[in-house]
Amino acid sequence: MPIYVMLSSLTDDGMETLHEHPERIKEVNAEIERLGVKVLHQWAVLGPYDFVNIVEAPDNETIARVSVELGARGTVKLMTMPAIPIDDFIARLKEGRAEGDD
């Protein structure tokens, strides 16, 4: 199943919610899983983003739905990127090189 990197930044409302209810993070993870996306790894980070999540979803449409559902709440802004396993990436580069040799 495809892997995605999901970067999230809390809005002021999101920060307030988290301050009052830290367990909300786990509740959101459960909601995400009900939408068909599995949270594989999650870290709180410092910098322009507040959280980095590695998630697994069946397709781009499912992960886009999660982004819209969460973003519509006004508590978080998301950037989600597909992640390509490095061995798959290398294999694809080799295929392209071999095709160019024809």
PDB file of N, CA and C in Angstrom:
ATOM      1  N   MET A   1       0.855  -1.177   0.000  1.00  0.00           N
ATOM      2  CA  MET A   1       0.000   0.000   0.000  1.00  0.00           C
ATOM      3  C   MET A   1       0.901   1.241   0.000  1.00  0.00           C
ATOM      4  N   PRO A   2       0.519   2.285  -0.725  1.00  0.00           N
ATOM      5  CA  PRO A   2       1.337   3.496  -0.796  1.00  0.00           C
ATOM      6  C   PRO A   2       1.564   4.155   0.572  1.00  0.00           C
ATOM      7  N   ILE A   3       2.738   4.732   0.692  1.00  0.00           N
ATOM      8  CA  ILE A   3       3.147   5.438   1.911  1.00  0.00           C
ATOM      9  C   ILE A   3       3.154   6.932   1.615  1.00  0.00           C
ATOM     10  N   TYR A   4       2.762   7.722   2.606  1.00  0.00           N
ATOM     11  CA  TYR A   4       2.729   9.177   2.488  1.00  0.00           C
ATOM     12  C   TYR A   4       3.373   9.807   3.715  1.00  0.00           C
ATOM     13  N   VAL A   5       4.022  10.944   3.494  1.00  0.00           N
ATOM     14  CA  VAL A   5       4.539  11.770   4.580  1.00  0.00           C
ATOM     15  C   VAL A   5       3.535  12.910   4.751  1.00  0.00           C
ATOM     16  N   MET A   6       3.009  13.034   5.948  1.00  0.00           N
ATOM     17  CA  MET A   6       2.026  14.070   6.232  1.00  0.00           C
ATOM     18  C   MET A   6       2.635  15.031   7.262  1.00  0.00           C
ATOM     19  N   LEU A   7       2.825  16.272   6.839  1.00  0.00           N
ATOM     20  CA  LEU A   7       3.351  17.311   7.720  1.00  0.00           C
ATOM     21  C   LEU A   7       2.180  18.173   8.172  1.00  0.00           C
ATOM     22  N   SER A   8       2.105  18.444   9.460  1.00  0.00           N
ATOM     23  CA  SER A   8       0.969  19.236   9.941  1.00  0.00           C
ATOM     24  C   SER A   8       1.423  20.373  10.844  1.00  0.00           C
ATOM     25  N   SER A   9       0.724  21.491  10.688  1.00  0.00           N
ATOM     26  CA  SER A   9       0.932  22.679  11.523  1.00  0.00           C
ATOM     27  C   SER A   9      -0.399  23.022  12.178  1.00  0.00           C
ATOM     28  N   LEU A  10      -0.387  23.165  13.474  1.00  0.00           N
ATOM     29  CA  LEU A  10      -1.606  23.516  14.190  1.00  0.00           C
ATOM     30  C   LEU A  10      -1.922  24.997  14.019  1.00  0.00           C
ATOM     31  N   THR A  11      -3.196  25.304  13.895  1.00  0.00           N
ATOM     32  CA  THR A  11      -3.633  26.698  13.923  1.00  0.00           C
ATOM     33  C   THR A  11      -3.730  27.113  15.388  1.00  0.00           C
ATOM     34  N   ASP A  12      -4.057  28.363  15.650  1.00  0.00           N
ATOM     35  CA  ASP A  12      -4.232  28.806  17.034  1.00  0.00           C
ATOM     36  C   ASP A  12      -5.309  27.982  17.735  1.00  0.00           C
ATOM     37  N   ASP A  13      -6.413  27.707  17.020  1.00  0.00           N
ATOM     38  CA  ASP A  13      -7.483  26.889  17.602  1.00  0.00           C
ATOM     39  C   ASP A  13      -6.986  25.473  17.894  1.00  0.00           C
ATOM     40  N   GLY A  14      -6.210  24.925  16.986  1.00  0.00           N
ATOM     41  CA  GLY A  14      -5.663  23.588  17.193  1.00  0.00           C
ATOM     42  C   GLY A  14      -4.716  23.536  18.376  1.00  0.00           C
ATOM     43  N   MET A  15      -3.903  24.571  18.529  1.00  0.00           N
ATOM     44  CA  MET A  15      -2.967  24.635  19.647  1.00  0.00           C
ATOM     45  C   MET A  15      -3.727  24.705  20.971  1.00  0.00           C
ATOM     46  N   GLU A  16      -4.802  25.484  20.982  1.00  0.00           N
ATOM     47  CA  GLU A  16      -5.621  25.599  22.189  1.00  0.00           C
ATOM     48  C   GLU A  16      -6.268  24.249  22.535  1.00  0.00           C
ATOM     49  N   THR A  17      -6.799  23.572  21.523  1.00  0.00           N
ATOM     50  CA  THR A  17      -7.412  22.263  21.743  1.00  0.00           C
ATOM     51  C   THR A  17      -6.390  21.280  22.299  1.00  0.00           C
ATOM     52  N   LEU A  18      -5.211  21.257  21.717  1.00  0.00           N
ATOM     53  CA  LEU A  18      -4.170  20.342  22.167  1.00  0.00           C
ATOM     54  C   LEU A  18      -3.719  20.661  23.586  1.00  0.00           C
ATOM     55  N   HIS A  19      -3.634  21.933  23.903  1.00  0.00           N
ATOM     56  CA  HIS A  19      -3.244  22.341  25.251  1.00  0.00           C
ATOM     57  C   HIS A  19      -4.260  21.847  26.282  1.00  0.00           C
ATOM     58  N   GLU A  20      -5.541  21.972  25.948  1.00  0.00           N
ATOM     59  CA  GLU A  20      -6.601  21.567  26.865  1.00  0.00           C
ATOM     60  C   GLU A  20      -6.824  20.055  26.890  1.00  0.00           C
ATOM     61  N   HIS A  21      -6.578  19.387  25.754  1.00  0.00           N
ATOM     62  CA  HIS A  21      -6.841  17.949  25.627  1.00  0.00           C
ATOM     63  C   HIS A  21      -5.715  17.266  24.838  1.00  0.00           C
ATOM     64  N   PRO A  22      -4.554  17.034  25.453  1.00  0.00           N
ATOM     65  CA  PRO A  22      -3.431  16.420  24.723  1.00  0.00           C
ATOM     66  C   PRO A  22      -3.779  15.067  24.097  1.00  0.00           C
ATOM     67  N   GLU A  23      -4.707  14.341  24.711  1.00  0.00           N
ATOM     68  CA  GLU A  23      -5.082  13.028  24.177  1.00  0.00           C
ATOM     69  C   GLU A  23      -5.812  13.134  22.834  1.00  0.00           C
ATOM     70  N   ARG A  24      -6.160  14.342  22.433  1.00  0.00           N
ATOM     71  CA  ARG A  24      -6.860  14.559  21.161  1.00  0.00           C
ATOM     72  C   ARG A  24      -6.040  14.021  19.983  1.00  0.00           C
ATOM     73  N   ILE A  25      -4.728  14.030  20.125  1.00  0.00           N
ATOM     74  CA  ILE A  25      -3.857  13.512  19.059  1.00  0.00           C
ATOM     75  C   ILE A  25      -4.224  12.065  18.742  1.00  0.00           C
ATOM     76  N   LYS A  26      -4.360  11.240  19.766  1.00  0.00           N
ATOM     77  CA  LYS A  26      -4.693   9.820  19.569  1.00  0.00           C
ATOM     78  C   LYS A  26      -6.105   9.667  19.020  1.00  0.00           C
ATOM     79  N   GLU A  27      -7.021  10.536  19.423  1.00  0.00           N
ATOM     80  CA  GLU A  27      -8.393  10.482  18.912  1.00  0.00           C
ATOM     81  C   GLU A  27      -8.415  10.784  17.411  1.00  0.00           C
ATOM     82  N   VAL A  28      -7.624  11.760  16.990  1.00  0.00           N
ATOM     83  CA  VAL A  28      -7.553  12.097  15.566  1.00  0.00           C
ATOM     84  C   VAL A  28      -6.952  10.925  14.790  1.00  0.00           C
ATOM     85  N   ASN A  29      -5.938  10.277  15.351  1.00  0.00           N
ATOM     86  CA  ASN A  29      -5.351   9.110  14.688  1.00  0.00           C
ATOM     87  C   ASN A  29      -6.405   8.030  14.457  1.00  0.00           C
ATOM     88  N   ALA A  30      -7.258   7.804  15.446  1.00  0.00           N
ATOM     89  CA  ALA A  30      -8.324   6.807  15.306  1.00  0.00           C
ATOM     90  C   ALA A  30      -9.314   7.234  14.213  1.00  0.00           C
ATOM     91  N   GLU A  31      -9.622   8.524  14.143  1.00  0.00           N
ATOM     92  CA  GLU A  31     -10.514   9.026  13.097  1.00  0.00           C
ATOM     93  C   GLU A  31      -9.900   8.809  11.713  1.00  0.00           C
ATOM     94  N   ILE A  32      -8.614   9.075  11.597  1.00  0.00           N
ATOM     95  CA  ILE A  32      -7.908   8.882  10.335  1.00  0.00           C
ATOM     96  C   ILE A  32      -7.981   7.414   9.917  1.00  0.00           C
ATOM     97  N   GLU A  33      -7.793   6.529  10.871  1.00  0.00           N
ATOM     98  CA  GLU A  33      -7.830   5.101  10.554  1.00  0.00           C
ATOM     99  C   GLU A  33      -9.225   4.668  10.109  1.00  0.00           C
ATOM    100  N   ARG A  34     -10.265   5.263  10.671  1.00  0.00           N
ATOM    101  CA  ARG A  34     -11.632   4.945  10.231  1.00  0.00           C
ATOM    102  C   ARG A  34     -11.872   5.402   8.793  1.00  0.00           C
ATOM    103  N   LEU A  35     -11.096   6.370   8.330  1.00  0.00           N
ATOM    104  CA  LEU A  35     -11.210   6.849   6.947  1.00  0.00           C
ATOM    105  C   LEU A  35     -10.360   6.014   5.985  1.00  0.00           C
ATOM    106  N   GLY A  36      -9.677   4.990   6.501  1.00  0.00           N
ATOM    107  CA  GLY A  36      -8.923   4.084   5.643  1.00  0.00           C
ATOM    108  C   GLY A  36      -7.435   4.342   5.560  1.00  0.00           C
ATOM    109  N   VAL A  37      -6.911   5.191   6.446  1.00  0.00           N
ATOM    110  CA  VAL A  37      -5.489   5.519   6.440  1.00  0.00           C
ATOM    111  C   VAL A  37      -4.872   5.045   7.747  1.00  0.00           C
ATOM    112  N   LYS A  38      -3.781   4.308   7.652  1.00  0.00           N
ATOM    113  CA  LYS A  38      -3.111   3.775   8.843  1.00  0.00           C
ATOM    114  C   LYS A  38      -1.925   4.665   9.214  1.00  0.00           C
ATOM    115  N   VAL A  39      -1.878   5.096  10.462  1.00  0.00           N
ATOM    116  CA  VAL A  39      -0.751   5.884  10.962  1.00  0.00           C
ATOM    117  C   VAL A  39       0.346   4.897  11.350  1.00  0.00           C
ATOM    118  N   LEU A  40       1.460   4.958  10.634  1.00  0.00           N
ATOM    119  CA  LEU A  40       2.580   4.051  10.905  1.00  0.00           C
ATOM    120  C   LEU A  40       3.537   4.620  11.943  1.00  0.00           C
ATOM    121  N   HIS A  41       3.831   5.912  11.818  1.00  0.00           N
ATOM    122  CA  HIS A  41       4.754   6.593  12.732  1.00  0.00           C
ATOM    123  C   HIS A  41       4.283   8.024  12.915  1.00  0.00           C
ATOM    124  N   GLN A  42       4.579   8.580  14.089  1.00  0.00           N
ATOM    125  CA  GLN A  42       4.176   9.963  14.346  1.00  0.00           C
ATOM    126  C   GLN A  42       5.162  10.591  15.324  1.00  0.00           C
ATOM    127  N   TRP A  43       5.585  11.806  14.983  1.00  0.00           N
ATOM    128  CA  TRP A  43       6.491  12.545  15.842  1.00  0.00           C
ATOM    129  C   TRP A  43       6.009  13.979  16.006  1.00  0.00           C
ATOM    130  N   ALA A  44       6.169  14.519  17.190  1.00  0.00           N
ATOM    131  CA  ALA A  44       6.031  15.956  17.412  1.00  0.00           C
ATOM    132  C   ALA A  44       7.401  16.538  17.101  1.00  0.00           C
ATOM    133  N   VAL A  45       7.440  17.632  16.343  1.00  0.00           N
ATOM    134  CA  VAL A  45       8.717  18.210  15.929  1.00  0.00           C
ATOM    135  C   VAL A  45       8.739  19.714  16.196  1.00  0.00           C
ATOM    136  N   LEU A  46       9.913  20.270  16.170  1.00  0.00           N
ATOM    137  CA  LEU A  46      10.098  21.711  16.310  1.00  0.00           C
ATOM    138  C   LEU A  46      10.399  22.286  14.940  1.00  0.00           C
ATOM    139  N   GLY A  47       9.964  23.489  14.692  1.00  0.00           N
ATOM    140  CA  GLY A  47      10.215  24.114  13.398  1.00  0.00           C
ATOM    141  C   GLY A  47       8.915  24.548  12.760  1.00  0.00           C
ATOM    142  N   PRO A  48       8.875  24.620  11.432  1.00  0.00           N
ATOM    143  CA  PRO A  48       7.673  25.128  10.756  1.00  0.00           C
ATOM    144  C   PRO A  48       6.478  24.175  10.848  1.00  0.00           C
ATOM    145  N   TYR A  49       6.719  22.914  11.168  1.00  0.00           N
ATOM    146  CA  TYR A  49       5.637  21.944  11.330  1.00  0.00           C
ATOM    147  C   TYR A  49       5.601  21.479  12.781  1.00  0.00           C
ATOM    148  N   ASP A  50       4.430  21.063  13.227  1.00  0.00           N
ATOM    149  CA  ASP A  50       4.274  20.584  14.601  1.00  0.00           C
ATOM    150  C   ASP A  50       4.342  19.069  14.704  1.00  0.00           C
ATOM    151  N   PHE A  51       3.929  18.381  13.621  1.00  0.00           N
ATOM    152  CA  PHE A  51       3.940  16.921  13.616  1.00  0.00           C
ATOM    153  C   PHE A  51       4.378  16.404  12.257  1.00  0.00           C
ATOM    154  N   VAL A  52       5.067  15.261  12.293  1.00  0.00           N
ATOM    155  CA  VAL A  52       5.402  14.517  11.083  1.00  0.00           C
ATOM    156  C   VAL A  52       4.774  13.137  11.260  1.00  0.00           C
ATOM    157  N   ASN A  53       3.956  12.761  10.285  1.00  0.00           N
ATOM    158  CA  ASN A  53       3.308  11.460  10.308  1.00  0.00           C
ATOM    159  C   ASN A  53       3.695  10.676   9.063  1.00  0.00           C
ATOM    160  N   ILE A  54       3.962   9.416   9.245  1.00  0.00           N
ATOM    161  CA  ILE A  54       4.148   8.498   8.126  1.00  0.00           C
ATOM    162  C   ILE A  54       2.897   7.631   8.123  1.00  0.00           C
ATOM    163  N   VAL A  55       2.165   7.699   7.019  1.00  0.00           N
ATOM    164  CA  VAL A  55       0.887   6.997   6.948  1.00  0.00           C
ATOM    165  C   VAL A  55       0.841   6.111   5.709  1.00  0.00           C
ATOM    166  N   GLU A  56      -0.074   5.166   5.748  1.00  0.00           N
ATOM    167  CA  GLU A  56      -0.285   4.245   4.638  1.00  0.00           C
ATOM    168  C   GLU A  56      -1.738   4.387   4.207  1.00  0.00           C
ATOM    169  N   ALA A  57      -1.954   4.564   2.910  1.00  0.00           N
ATOM    170  CA  ALA A  57      -3.309   4.728   2.376  1.00  0.00           C
ATOM    171  C   ALA A  57      -3.435   3.938   1.086  1.00  0.00           C
ATOM    172  N   PRO A  58      -4.641   3.516   0.745  1.00  0.00           N
ATOM    173  CA  PRO A  58      -4.802   2.728  -0.473  1.00  0.00           C
ATOM    174  C   PRO A  58      -4.532   3.505  -1.765  1.00  0.00           C
ATOM    175  N   ASP A  59      -4.742   4.840  -1.729  1.00  0.00           N
ATOM    176  CA  ASP A  59      -4.569   5.616  -2.959  1.00  0.00           C
ATOM    177  C   ASP A  59      -4.557   7.113  -2.640  1.00  0.00           C
ATOM    178  N   ASN A  60      -4.234   7.913  -3.657  1.00  0.00           N
ATOM    179  CA  ASN A  60      -4.167   9.368  -3.498  1.00  0.00           C
ATOM    180  C   ASN A  60      -5.513   9.956  -3.096  1.00  0.00           C
ATOM    181  N   GLU A  61      -6.585   9.407  -3.636  1.00  0.00           N
ATOM    182  CA  GLU A  61      -7.909   9.943  -3.334  1.00  0.00           C
ATOM    183  C   GLU A  61      -8.252   9.803  -1.852  1.00  0.00           C
ATOM    184  N   THR A  62      -7.867   8.680  -1.254  1.00  0.00           N
ATOM    185  CA  THR A  62      -8.141   8.465   0.176  1.00  0.00           C
ATOM    186  C   THR A  62      -7.351   9.450   1.025  1.00  0.00           C
ATOM    187  N   ILE A  63      -6.087   9.633   0.715  1.00  0.00           N
ATOM    188  CA  ILE A  63      -5.275  10.555   1.515  1.00  0.00           C
ATOM    189  C   ILE A  63      -5.733  11.987   1.298  1.00  0.00           C
ATOM    190  N   ALA A  64      -6.195  12.312   0.090  1.00  0.00           N
ATOM    191  CA  ALA A  64      -6.728  13.650  -0.166  1.00  0.00           C
ATOM    192  C   ALA A  64      -7.989  13.884   0.664  1.00  0.00           C
ATOM    193  N   ARG A  65      -8.837  12.879   0.762  1.00  0.00           N
ATOM    194  CA  ARG A  65     -10.053  12.997   1.576  1.00  0.00           C
ATOM    195  C   ARG A  65      -9.697  13.283   3.030  1.00  0.00           C
ATOM    196  N   VAL A  66      -8.699  12.563   3.556  1.00  0.00           N
ATOM    197  CA  VAL A  66      -8.267  12.799   4.940  1.00  0.00           C
ATOM    198  C   VAL A  66      -7.779  14.233   5.095  1.00  0.00           C
ATOM    199  N   SER A  67      -6.998  14.704   4.150  1.00  0.00           N
ATOM    200  CA  SER A  67      -6.484  16.078   4.224  1.00  0.00           C
ATOM    201  C   SER A  67      -7.619  17.094   4.245  1.00  0.00           C
ATOM    202  N   VAL A  68      -8.626  16.884   3.404  1.00  0.00           N
ATOM    203  CA  VAL A  68      -9.763  17.802   3.359  1.00  0.00           C
ATOM    204  C   VAL A  68     -10.570  17.720   4.647  1.00  0.00           C
ATOM    205  N   GLU A  69     -10.833  16.497   5.110  1.00  0.00           N
ATOM    206  CA  GLU A  69     -11.621  16.313   6.340  1.00  0.00           C
ATOM    207  C   GLU A  69     -10.945  17.006   7.530  1.00  0.00           C
ATOM    208  N   LEU A  70      -9.652  16.800   7.684  1.00  0.00           N
ATOM    209  CA  LEU A  70      -8.938  17.401   8.816  1.00  0.00           C
ATOM    210  C   LEU A  70      -8.785  18.908   8.635  1.00  0.00           C
ATOM    211  N   GLY A  71      -8.437  19.333   7.437  1.00  0.00           N
ATOM    212  CA  GLY A  71      -8.238  20.752   7.177  1.00  0.00           C
ATOM    213  C   GLY A  71      -9.506  21.573   7.331  1.00  0.00           C
ATOM    214  N   ALA A  72     -10.654  20.968   7.026  1.00  0.00           N
ATOM    215  CA  ALA A  72     -11.928  21.686   7.104  1.00  0.00           C
ATOM    216  C   ALA A  72     -12.295  22.065   8.539  1.00  0.00           C
ATOM    217  N   ARG A  73     -11.670  21.441   9.495  1.00  0.00           N
ATOM    218  CA  ARG A  73     -11.963  21.735  10.902  1.00  0.00           C
ATOM    219  C   ARG A  73     -11.375  23.075  11.351  1.00  0.00           C
ATOM    220  N   GLY A  74     -10.370  23.537  10.621  1.00  0.00           N
ATOM    221  CA  GLY A  74      -9.746  24.809  10.970  1.00  0.00           C
ATOM    222  C   GLY A  74      -8.735  24.729  12.101  1.00  0.00           C
ATOM    223  N   THR A  75      -8.344  23.514  12.482  1.00  0.00           N
ATOM    224  CA  THR A  75      -7.395  23.362  13.589  1.00  0.00           C
ATOM    225  C   THR A  75      -6.001  22.944  13.134  1.00  0.00           C
ATOM    226  N   VAL A  76      -5.884  22.586  11.858  1.00  0.00           N
ATOM    227  CA  VAL A  76      -4.601  22.108  11.361  1.00  0.00           C
ATOM    228  C   VAL A  76      -4.477  22.416   9.869  1.00  0.00           C
ATOM    229  N   LYS A  77      -3.242  22.658   9.448  1.00  0.00           N
ATOM    230  CA  LYS A  77      -2.922  22.804   8.027  1.00  0.00           C
ATOM    231  C   LYS A  77      -1.986  21.654   7.685  1.00  0.00           C
ATOM    232  N   LEU A  78      -2.267  21.001   6.556  1.00  0.00           N
ATOM    233  CA  LEU A  78      -1.524  19.797   6.200  1.00  0.00           C
ATOM    234  C   LEU A  78      -0.802  19.939   4.877  1.00  0.00           C
ATOM    235  N   MET A  79       0.343  19.280   4.799  1.00  0.00           N
ATOM    236  CA  MET A  79       1.039  19.080   3.535  1.00  0.00           C
ATOM    237  C   MET A  79       1.311  17.582   3.464  1.00  0.00           C
ATOM    238  N   THR A  80       0.792  16.934   2.441  1.00  0.00           N
ATOM    239  CA  THR A  80       0.948  15.490   2.309  1.00  0.00           C
ATOM    240  C   THR A  80       1.667  15.180   1.009  1.00  0.00           C
ATOM    241  N   MET A  81       2.662  14.309   1.112  1.00  0.00           N
ATOM    242  CA  MET A  81       3.479  13.959  -0.051  1.00  0.00           C
ATOM    243  C   MET A  81       3.591  12.456  -0.176  1.00  0.00           C
ATOM    244  N   PRO A  82       3.470  11.915  -1.391  1.00  0.00           N
ATOM    245  CA  PRO A  82       3.702  10.483  -1.565  1.00  0.00           C
ATOM    246  C   PRO A  82       5.183  10.188  -1.344  1.00  0.00           C
ATOM    247  N   ALA A  83       5.450   9.048  -0.739  1.00  0.00           N
ATOM    248  CA  ALA A  83       6.831   8.629  -0.481  1.00  0.00           C
ATOM    249  C   ALA A  83       7.131   7.382  -1.304  1.00  0.00           C
ATOM    250  N   ILE A  84       8.247   7.396  -1.984  1.00  0.00           N
ATOM    251  CA  ILE A  84       8.645   6.265  -2.825  1.00  0.00           C
ATOM    252  C   ILE A  84       9.776   5.523  -2.104  1.00  0.00           C
ATOM    253  N   PRO A  85       9.587   4.240  -1.820  1.00  0.00           N
ATOM    254  CA  PRO A  85      10.684   3.468  -1.211  1.00  0.00           C
ATOM    255  C   PRO A  85      11.936   3.586  -2.089  1.00  0.00           C
ATOM    256  N   ILE A  86      13.060   3.767  -1.463  1.00  0.00           N
ATOM    257  CA  ILE A  86      14.288   4.066  -2.201  1.00  0.00           C
ATOM    258  C   ILE A  86      14.671   2.956  -3.180  1.00  0.00           C
ATOM    259  N   ASP A  87      14.430   1.686  -2.822  1.00  0.00           N
ATOM    260  CA  ASP A  87      14.746   0.594  -3.741  1.00  0.00           C
ATOM    261  C   ASP A  87      13.871   0.662  -4.990  1.00  0.00           C
ATOM    262  N   ASP A  88      12.597   1.032  -4.824  1.00  0.00           N
ATOM    263  CA  ASP A  88      11.705   1.200  -5.975  1.00  0.00           C
ATOM    264  C   ASP A  88      12.171   2.359  -6.848  1.00  0.00           C
ATOM    265  N   PHE A  89      12.609   3.432  -6.200  1.00  0.00           N
ATOM    266  CA  PHE A  89      13.095   4.603  -6.925  1.00  0.00           C
ATOM    267  C   PHE A  89      14.323   4.256  -7.764  1.00  0.00           C
ATOM    268  N   ILE A  90      15.264   3.538  -7.152  1.00  0.00           N
ATOM    269  CA  ILE A  90      16.481   3.134  -7.869  1.00  0.00           C
ATOM    270  C   ILE A  90      16.128   2.221  -9.038  1.00  0.00           C
ATOM    271  N   ALA A  91      15.228   1.272  -8.814  1.00  0.00           N
ATOM    272  CA  ALA A  91      14.824   0.363  -9.890  1.00  0.00           C
ATOM    273  C   ALA A  91      14.206   1.138 -11.049  1.00  0.00           C
ATOM    274  N   ARG A  92      13.376   2.133 -10.738  1.00  0.00           N
ATOM    275  CA  ARG A  92      12.733   2.926 -11.789  1.00  0.00           C
ATOM    276  C   ARG A  92      13.781   3.734 -12.565  1.00  0.00           C
ATOM    277  N   LEU A  93      14.787   4.250 -11.856  1.00  0.00           N
ATOM    278  CA  LEU A  93      15.862   4.976 -12.543  1.00  0.00           C
ATOM    279  C   LEU A  93      16.623   4.053 -13.490  1.00  0.00           C
ATOM    280  N   LYS A  94      16.863   2.828 -13.043  1.00  0.00           N
ATOM    281  CA  LYS A  94      17.579   1.866 -13.884  1.00  0.00           C
ATOM    282  C   LYS A  94      16.753   1.509 -15.113  1.00  0.00           C
ATOM    283  N   GLU A  95      15.435   1.371 -14.941  1.00  0.00           N
ATOM    284  CA  GLU A  95      14.552   1.079 -16.087  1.00  0.00           C
ATOM    285  C   GLU A  95      14.652   2.194 -17.117  1.00  0.00           C
ATOM    286  N   GLY A  96      14.597   3.427 -16.646  1.00  0.00           N
ATOM    287  CA  GLY A  96      14.667   4.572 -17.543  1.00  0.00           C
ATOM    288  C   GLY A  96      15.992   4.634 -18.277  1.00  0.00           C
ATOM    289  N   ARG A  97      17.053   4.292 -17.586  1.00  0.00           N
ATOM    290  CA  ARG A  97      18.371   4.307 -18.199  1.00  0.00           C
ATOM    291  C   ARG A  97      18.476   3.204 -19.261  1.00  0.00           C
ATOM    292  N   ALA A  98      17.923   2.027 -18.954  1.00  0.00           N
ATOM    293  CA  ALA A  98      17.973   0.914 -19.898  1.00  0.00           C
ATOM    294  C   ALA A  98      17.153   1.224 -21.142  1.00  0.00           C
ATOM    295  N   GLU A  99      16.003   1.880 -20.971  1.00  0.00           N
ATOM    296  CA  GLU A  99      15.165   2.254 -22.121  1.00  0.00           C
ATOM    297  C   GLU A  99      15.874   3.289 -22.995  1.00  0.00           C
ATOM    298  N   GLY A 100      16.637   4.157 -22.354  1.00  0.00           N
ATOM    299  CA  GLY A 100      17.358   5.192 -23.099  1.00  0.00           C
ATOM    300  C   GLY A 100      18.533   4.628 -23.887  1.00  0.00           C
ATOM    301  N   ASP A 101      18.973   3.424 -23.534  1.00  0.00           N
ATOM    302  CA  ASP A 101      20.112   2.790 -24.213  1.00  0.00           C
ATOM    303  C   ASP A 101      19.715   2.165 -25.543  1.00  0.00           C
ATOM    304  N   ASP A 102      18.415   2.079 -25.826  1.00  0.00           N
ATOM    305  CA  ASP A 102      17.966   1.429 -27.062  1.00  0.00           C
ATOM    306  C   ASP A 102      18.400   2.164 -28.287  1.00  0.00           C
TER     307      ASP A 102
END
